[in-house]
Protein backbone atom coordinates (compact mmCIF):
# COMPACT_ATOMS: atom_id res chain seq x y z
CA UNK A 1 0.00 0.00 0.00
CA UNK A 2 1.28 3.46 -0.92
CA UNK A 3 1.49 5.86 2.03
CA UNK A 4 1.90 8.99 -0.11
CA UNK A 5 -0.55 11.74 0.73
CA UNK A 6 -3.82 11.31 -1.12
CA UNK A 7 -5.74 14.19 -2.59
CA UNK A 8 -7.76 14.18 0.65
CA UNK A 9 -4.63 14.69 2.77
CA UNK A 10 -3.27 18.17 3.31
CA UNK A 11 0.41 19.09 3.52
CA UNK A 12 1.10 22.20 5.58
CA UNK A 13 4.12 23.71 7.26
CA UNK A 14 5.09 26.37 9.71
CA UNK A 15 8.34 27.73 11.09
CA UNK A 16 10.03 25.61 13.74
CA UNK A 17 9.59 27.03 17.25
CA UNK A 18 11.53 26.24 20.42
CA UNK A 19 8.73 23.95 21.64
CA UNK A 20 9.54 21.70 18.63
CA UNK A 21 13.11 21.04 19.81
CA UNK A 22 12.30 17.77 21.66
CA UNK A 23 10.55 16.47 18.54
CA UNK A 24 13.51 17.48 16.33
CA UNK A 25 15.90 15.84 18.78
CA UNK A 26 13.92 12.60 18.49
CA UNK A 27 13.77 12.80 14.70
CA UNK A 28 17.46 13.64 14.29
CA UNK A 29 18.39 10.64 16.46
CA UNK A 30 16.59 8.18 14.19
CA UNK A 31 19.12 6.13 12.19
CA UNK A 32 17.62 6.82 8.75
CA UNK A 33 17.65 10.57 9.47
CA UNK A 34 20.97 10.74 11.32
CA UNK A 35 22.67 8.90 8.44
CA UNK A 36 22.39 11.98 6.19
CA UNK A 37 21.50 14.71 8.71
CA UNK A 38 24.56 14.18 10.86
CA UNK A 39 23.50 16.70 13.54
CA UNK A 40 24.07 16.70 17.26
CA UNK A 41 20.63 15.60 18.45
CA UNK A 42 21.18 16.35 22.14
CA UNK A 43 18.96 19.11 23.56
CA UNK A 44 21.94 21.51 23.56
CA UNK A 45 22.88 20.55 19.99
CA UNK A 46 19.34 21.07 18.69
CA UNK A 47 19.09 24.43 20.50
CA UNK A 48 22.44 25.48 19.01
CA UNK A 49 21.54 24.41 15.46
CA UNK A 50 17.89 25.51 15.33
CA UNK A 51 17.72 28.27 17.94
CA UNK A 52 19.01 31.03 15.64
CA UNK A 53 16.20 30.28 13.17
CA UNK A 54 13.53 30.53 15.85
CA UNK A 55 14.90 33.93 16.89
CA UNK A 56 15.12 35.29 13.33
CA UNK A 57 18.93 35.33 13.50
CA UNK A 58 19.27 32.90 10.57
CA UNK A 59 18.76 33.75 6.90
CA UNK A 60 17.11 30.42 6.08
CA UNK A 61 13.88 28.81 7.15
CA UNK A 62 13.38 25.68 9.25
CA UNK A 63 9.90 24.36 8.44
CA UNK A 64 8.00 21.71 10.35
CA UNK A 65 5.88 19.88 7.78
CA UNK A 66 2.61 18.20 8.74
CA UNK A 67 0.26 15.89 6.87
CA UNK A 68 -3.33 16.35 8.04
CA UNK A 69 -1.99 18.18 11.09
CA UNK A 70 0.47 15.47 12.12
CA UNK A 71 4.16 16.44 12.05
CA UNK A 72 5.91 14.23 9.49
CA UNK A 73 9.00 16.02 8.16
CA UNK A 74 11.47 18.88 8.29
CA UNK A 75 12.42 21.13 5.39
CA UNK A 76 15.10 23.79 5.39
CA UNK A 77 14.84 26.45 2.70
CA UNK A 78 17.20 29.33 1.98
CA UNK A 79 18.72 31.51 -0.69
CA UNK A 80 22.00 29.93 -1.66
CA UNK A 81 23.88 33.23 -1.72
CA UNK A 82 22.97 33.86 1.94
CA UNK A 83 25.46 31.14 2.93
CA UNK A 84 28.87 32.05 1.47
CA UNK A 85 30.55 28.67 1.97
CA UNK A 86 27.64 26.76 0.42
CA UNK A 87 27.52 29.23 -2.46
CA UNK A 88 31.26 28.82 -3.10
CA UNK A 89 31.10 25.03 -3.08
CA UNK A 90 28.01 24.82 -5.25
CA UNK A 91 29.03 27.48 -7.77
CA UNK A 92 32.31 25.59 -8.35
CA UNK A 93 30.14 22.79 -9.82
CA UNK A 94 27.18 24.56 -11.48
CA UNK A 95 25.97 28.04 -12.33
CA UNK A 96 24.10 29.50 -9.37
CA UNK A 97 21.97 32.44 -10.49
CA UNK A 98 21.29 35.32 -8.13
CA UNK A 99 18.24 34.63 -5.98
CA UNK A 100 18.41 30.85 -6.39
CA UNK A 101 17.04 28.86 -3.45
CA UNK A 102 18.00 25.48 -2.05
CA UNK A 103 16.17 23.03 0.17
CA UNK A 104 17.10 20.17 2.46
CA UNK A 105 14.56 17.76 3.87
CA UNK A 106 13.79 14.52 5.61
CA UNK A 107 10.76 12.40 6.42
CA UNK A 108 10.79 11.54 10.13
CA UNK A 109 9.20 8.07 10.08
CA UNK A 110 11.27 5.49 8.23
CA UNK A 111 8.06 3.58 7.44
CA UNK A 112 6.89 6.61 5.42
CA UNK A 113 10.06 6.83 3.30
CA UNK A 114 10.18 5.44 -0.22
CA UNK A 115 6.40 5.75 -0.57
CA UNK A 116 6.01 9.15 -2.21
CA UNK A 117 5.63 11.35 0.86
CA UNK A 118 8.99 13.07 0.37
CA UNK A 119 8.17 13.73 -3.28
CA UNK A 120 4.78 15.22 -2.35
CA UNK A 121 6.39 17.45 0.28
CA UNK A 122 9.09 18.62 -2.13
CA UNK A 123 6.46 19.45 -4.77
CA UNK A 124 4.40 21.42 -2.25
CA UNK A 125 7.42 23.36 -0.93
CA UNK A 126 8.63 24.14 -4.47
CA UNK A 127 5.18 25.38 -5.51
CA UNK A 128 5.21 27.68 -2.48
CA UNK A 129 8.77 28.83 -3.20
CA UNK A 130 7.72 30.54 -6.42
CA UNK A 131 5.38 32.84 -4.46
CA UNK A 132 7.39 33.11 -1.23
CA UNK A 133 10.58 33.99 -3.15
CA UNK A 134 9.27 36.01 -6.11
CA UNK A 135 12.78 36.74 -7.45
CA UNK A 136 13.89 33.09 -7.29
CA UNK A 137 14.72 31.85 -10.80
CA UNK A 138 15.47 28.27 -9.76
CA UNK A 139 15.79 25.84 -6.88
CA UNK A 140 19.14 24.02 -6.86
CA UNK A 141 19.76 21.09 -4.54
CA UNK A 142 23.02 19.19 -3.99
CA UNK A 143 22.61 15.68 -2.59
CA UNK A 144 25.39 13.34 -1.54
CA UNK A 145 25.55 10.73 -4.31
CA UNK A 146 24.95 7.83 -1.93
CA UNK A 147 21.59 9.19 -0.80
CA UNK A 148 19.66 7.55 -3.63
CA UNK A 149 16.24 8.09 -2.06
CA UNK A 150 16.80 11.83 -1.81
CA UNK A 151 17.95 12.49 -5.36
CA UNK A 152 15.26 10.17 -6.74
CA UNK A 153 12.60 12.13 -4.83
CA UNK A 154 13.94 15.29 -6.47
CA UNK A 155 13.73 13.67 -9.92
CA UNK A 156 10.15 12.55 -9.24
CA UNK A 157 9.38 16.13 -8.19
CA UNK A 158 10.44 17.52 -11.57
CA UNK A 159 14.10 18.34 -10.88
CA UNK A 160 16.75 17.49 -13.46
CA UNK A 161 20.35 16.66 -12.69
CA UNK A 162 22.61 19.46 -13.90
CA UNK A 163 25.97 18.44 -12.54
CA UNK A 164 28.01 16.47 -10.10
CA UNK A 165 31.11 17.22 -8.14
CA UNK A 166 32.80 17.14 -4.79
CA UNK A 167 31.38 19.04 -1.83
CA UNK A 168 31.97 18.62 1.89
CA UNK A 169 29.58 15.87 3.03
CA UNK A 170 27.57 16.42 6.20
CA UNK A 171 28.43 12.93 7.41
CA UNK A 172 32.16 12.08 7.36
CA UNK A 173 31.20 8.53 6.33
CA UNK A 174 30.15 9.81 2.92
CA UNK A 175 32.35 10.37 -0.09
CA UNK A 176 32.36 14.00 -1.23
CA UNK A 177 30.60 13.30 -4.55
CA UNK A 178 27.29 15.15 -4.81
CA UNK A 179 24.63 15.13 -7.52
CA UNK A 180 23.21 18.60 -8.17
CA UNK A 181 19.62 18.95 -9.36
CA UNK A 182 17.65 21.99 -10.46
CA UNK A 183 14.09 23.03 -11.18
CA UNK A 184 13.39 26.35 -12.86
CA UNK A 185 10.58 28.77 -12.16
CA UNK A 186 7.67 27.90 -14.44
CA UNK A 187 7.13 30.37 -17.24
CA UNK A 188 3.98 32.35 -16.75
CA UNK A 189 1.23 31.85 -19.28
CA UNK A 190 0.60 35.61 -19.44
């Protein structure tokens, strides 16, 4: 049975708040999440990594994604140029136009992975990106090559692979090779 959201299910999101930190700590400690989101999931680590976003001290967004009101995933969204090191690494591999956005994401429940939920969330976030970031020409996402589920979800969401190259992996277990995918702003019909 496919656990992807049906047309009757609603995907929503909101900014992460401090009260979400225990939930994020739990999610980040899960093996399938920790494998590619190699964060410190202790209470202090979560507060250090996500606290600036809750206070508005971070350029990017941390979004808690829910399906029918039940928290299911985390998405981070930001302009690439707002993070100099990321911009440098990515622009050494592909052209990064001004205003381009990137996302990072995970589905919290391993039983919900590989069933279309991640693809549905990516599609919903990308659709929102075109209105939330009106000057964004494209969304560009680097994914460590070994994270097959992640780059396949991007492909199923309409992204196309535009390059590959070495970037610093989040988890030291990973090789530096990343696949870079892109989706462009749809042309208006006007």
